[in-house]
Amino acid sequence: MKDIFRILIAPLVWFASFSAVYGLHGLLCGHEVSGVVLGLPLERAYLVAAYVCAIAVQVVLIVALYSSRLASPSPFVRFVSHATGWVGLIATIWSLVPVVFTTYCG
């Protein structure tokens, strides 16, 4: 059971972070939030902070998957969990980048 968890953790965290960031996007667009933080509108600052946090969580997962303490004894499971860890990181960066570069409300 631990091996399945090792393999699926990064894609599941990507799914959760994708849902959370776009849910935050919907909340921000649905409610009038105003202000400026570091020269950015408050809505953009929230979305960029969520994007950075999602990437940081994926990086921590990759580091954990490469650590000898949490690694699987099976070389196949180790390889697949490392691969899905990188896939989770790349998917997070790619699928959430629109919150940084596009308009946040239509």
C-alpha atoms as a PDB file:
ATOM      1  CA  MET A   1       0.000   0.000   0.000  1.00  0.00           C
ATOM      2  CA  LYS A   2       2.881   2.363   0.712  1.00  0.00           C
ATOM      3  CA  ASP A   3       4.200   1.827  -2.792  1.00  0.00           C
ATOM      4  CA  ILE A   4       0.919   2.906  -4.369  1.00  0.00           C
ATOM      5  CA  PHE A   5       0.965   5.987  -2.146  1.00  0.00           C
ATOM      6  CA  ARG A   6       4.535   6.789  -3.234  1.00  0.00           C
ATOM      7  CA  ILE A   7       3.558   6.491  -6.877  1.00  0.00           C
ATOM      8  CA  LEU A   8       0.336   8.502  -6.689  1.00  0.00           C
ATOM      9  CA  ILE A   9       1.144  11.257  -4.178  1.00  0.00           C
ATOM     10  CA  ALA A  10       2.528  13.827  -6.640  1.00  0.00           C
ATOM     11  CA  PRO A  11      -0.332  13.585  -9.175  1.00  0.00           C
ATOM     12  CA  LEU A  12      -2.872  13.703  -6.338  1.00  0.00           C
ATOM     13  CA  VAL A  13      -1.229  16.808  -4.890  1.00  0.00           C
ATOM     14  CA  TRP A  14      -1.239  18.352  -8.378  1.00  0.00           C
ATOM     15  CA  PHE A  15      -4.966  17.637  -8.646  1.00  0.00           C
ATOM     16  CA  ALA A  16      -5.629  19.170  -5.227  1.00  0.00           C
ATOM     17  CA  SER A  17      -3.521  22.250  -5.918  1.00  0.00           C
ATOM     18  CA  PHE A  18      -5.108  22.729  -9.353  1.00  0.00           C
ATOM     19  CA  SER A  19      -8.553  22.577  -7.777  1.00  0.00           C
ATOM     20  CA  ALA A  20      -7.564  24.894  -4.937  1.00  0.00           C
ATOM     21  CA  VAL A  21      -5.937  27.550  -7.124  1.00  0.00           C
ATOM     22  CA  TYR A  22      -8.783  27.699  -9.615  1.00  0.00           C
ATOM     23  CA  GLY A  23     -11.297  27.608  -6.765  1.00  0.00           C
ATOM     24  CA  LEU A  24      -9.484  30.605  -5.286  1.00  0.00           C
ATOM     25  CA  HIS A  25      -9.646  32.229  -8.723  1.00  0.00           C
ATOM     26  CA  GLY A  26     -13.414  31.749  -8.771  1.00  0.00           C
ATOM     27  CA  LEU A  27     -13.800  33.151  -5.265  1.00  0.00           C
ATOM     28  CA  LEU A  28     -11.698  36.188  -6.074  1.00  0.00           C
ATOM     29  CA  CYS A  29     -13.664  36.874  -9.241  1.00  0.00           C
ATOM     30  CA  GLY A  30     -16.978  36.375  -7.477  1.00  0.00           C
ATOM     31  CA  HIS A  31     -16.226  38.772  -4.633  1.00  0.00           C
ATOM     32  CA  GLU A  32     -14.907  42.282  -4.851  1.00  0.00           C
ATOM     33  CA  VAL A  33     -11.442  42.171  -3.288  1.00  0.00           C
ATOM     34  CA  SER A  34      -9.446  45.358  -3.536  1.00  0.00           C
ATOM     35  CA  GLY A  35      -6.011  46.434  -2.462  1.00  0.00           C
ATOM     36  CA  VAL A  36      -2.396  46.443  -3.552  1.00  0.00           C
ATOM     37  CA  VAL A  37       0.440  44.260  -2.273  1.00  0.00           C
ATOM     38  CA  LEU A  38       4.006  44.788  -3.525  1.00  0.00           C
ATOM     39  CA  GLY A  39       2.703  46.731  -6.498  1.00  0.00           C
ATOM     40  CA  LEU A  40       0.295  43.955  -7.529  1.00  0.00           C
ATOM     41  CA  PRO A  41      -3.471  43.992  -7.184  1.00  0.00           C
ATOM     42  CA  LEU A  42      -4.484  41.882  -4.177  1.00  0.00           C
ATOM     43  CA  GLU A  43      -6.238  39.316  -6.370  1.00  0.00           C
ATOM     44  CA  ARG A  44      -3.092  38.753  -8.446  1.00  0.00           C
ATOM     45  CA  ALA A  45      -0.940  38.571  -5.305  1.00  0.00           C
ATOM     46  CA  TYR A  46      -3.175  35.829  -3.861  1.00  0.00           C
ATOM     47  CA  LEU A  47      -3.052  33.826  -7.081  1.00  0.00           C
ATOM     48  CA  VAL A  48       0.721  34.168  -7.452  1.00  0.00           C
ATOM     49  CA  ALA A  49       1.202  33.163  -3.800  1.00  0.00           C
ATOM     50  CA  ALA A  50      -0.994  30.084  -4.331  1.00  0.00           C
ATOM     51  CA  TYR A  51       0.976  29.218  -7.490  1.00  0.00           C
ATOM     52  CA  VAL A  52       4.303  29.488  -5.669  1.00  0.00           C
ATOM     53  CA  CYS A  53       3.000  27.413  -2.741  1.00  0.00           C
ATOM     54  CA  ALA A  54       1.759  24.679  -5.087  1.00  0.00           C
ATOM     55  CA  ILE A  55       5.182  24.495  -6.751  1.00  0.00           C
ATOM     56  CA  ALA A  56       6.938  24.467  -3.361  1.00  0.00           C
ATOM     57  CA  VAL A  57       4.814  21.541  -2.181  1.00  0.00           C
ATOM     58  CA  GLN A  58       5.680  19.576  -5.326  1.00  0.00           C
ATOM     59  CA  VAL A  59       9.400  20.294  -4.866  1.00  0.00           C
ATOM     60  CA  VAL A  60       9.212  19.089  -1.252  1.00  0.00           C
ATOM     61  CA  LEU A  61       7.508  15.912  -2.475  1.00  0.00           C
ATOM     62  CA  ILE A  62      10.273  15.263  -4.996  1.00  0.00           C
ATOM     63  CA  VAL A  63      12.916  15.759  -2.329  1.00  0.00           C
ATOM     64  CA  ALA A  64      11.027  13.375  -0.034  1.00  0.00           C
ATOM     65  CA  LEU A  65      10.696  10.763  -2.776  1.00  0.00           C
ATOM     66  CA  TYR A  66      14.456  10.896  -3.406  1.00  0.00           C
ATOM     67  CA  SER A  67      15.363  10.616   0.285  1.00  0.00           C
ATOM     68  CA  SER A  68      16.636   7.209   1.359  1.00  0.00           C
ATOM     69  CA  ARG A  69      14.405   7.245   4.430  1.00  0.00           C
ATOM     70  CA  LEU A  70      11.174   7.291   2.400  1.00  0.00           C
ATOM     71  CA  ALA A  71      12.374   5.411  -0.694  1.00  0.00           C
ATOM     72  CA  SER A  72      10.895   2.075  -1.645  1.00  0.00           C
ATOM     73  CA  PRO A  73      13.128  -1.003  -1.549  1.00  0.00           C
ATOM     74  CA  SER A  74      11.880  -1.883  -5.046  1.00  0.00           C
ATOM     75  CA  PRO A  75      13.888  -0.240  -7.866  1.00  0.00           C
ATOM     76  CA  PHE A  76      10.804  -0.232 -10.115  1.00  0.00           C
ATOM     77  CA  VAL A  77       8.643   1.591  -7.553  1.00  0.00           C
ATOM     78  CA  ARG A  78      11.476   4.036  -6.895  1.00  0.00           C
ATOM     79  CA  PHE A  79      11.777   4.805 -10.601  1.00  0.00           C
ATOM     80  CA  VAL A  80       8.032   5.200 -11.129  1.00  0.00           C
ATOM     81  CA  SER A  81       7.578   7.347  -8.012  1.00  0.00           C
ATOM     82  CA  HIS A  82      10.441   9.615  -9.132  1.00  0.00           C
ATOM     83  CA  ALA A  83       8.881   9.872 -12.588  1.00  0.00           C
ATOM     84  CA  THR A  84       5.423  10.699 -11.252  1.00  0.00           C
ATOM     85  CA  GLY A  85       7.004  13.208  -8.877  1.00  0.00           C
ATOM     86  CA  TRP A  86       8.532  15.071 -11.805  1.00  0.00           C
ATOM     87  CA  VAL A  87       5.305  14.765 -13.773  1.00  0.00           C
ATOM     88  CA  GLY A  88       3.428  16.297 -10.828  1.00  0.00           C
ATOM     89  CA  LEU A  89       5.864  19.225 -10.673  1.00  0.00           C
ATOM     90  CA  ILE A  90       5.746  19.867 -14.420  1.00  0.00           C
ATOM     91  CA  ALA A  91       1.948  19.562 -14.461  1.00  0.00           C
ATOM     92  CA  THR A  92       1.701  22.046 -11.597  1.00  0.00           C
ATOM     93  CA  ILE A  93       3.946  24.572 -13.315  1.00  0.00           C
ATOM     94  CA  TRP A  94       2.276  24.169 -16.707  1.00  0.00           C
ATOM     95  CA  SER A  95      -1.381  24.049 -15.696  1.00  0.00           C
ATOM     96  CA  LEU A  96      -1.242  26.854 -13.135  1.00  0.00           C
ATOM     97  CA  VAL A  97       0.916  29.333 -15.062  1.00  0.00           C
ATOM     98  CA  PRO A  98      -2.144  31.087 -16.564  1.00  0.00           C
ATOM     99  CA  VAL A  99      -3.011  32.491 -13.123  1.00  0.00           C
ATOM    100  CA  VAL A 100       0.255  34.430 -13.242  1.00  0.00           C
ATOM    101  CA  PHE A 101       0.228  35.713 -16.808  1.00  0.00           C
ATOM    102  CA  THR A 102      -3.421  36.175 -17.757  1.00  0.00           C
ATOM    103  CA  THR A 103      -6.153  38.453 -16.471  1.00  0.00           C
ATOM    104  CA  TYR A 104      -7.715  37.106 -13.326  1.00  0.00           C
ATOM    105  CA  CYS A 105     -11.320  38.089 -13.987  1.00  0.00           C
ATOM    106  CA  GLY A 106     -13.194  38.471 -17.229  1.00  0.00           C
END
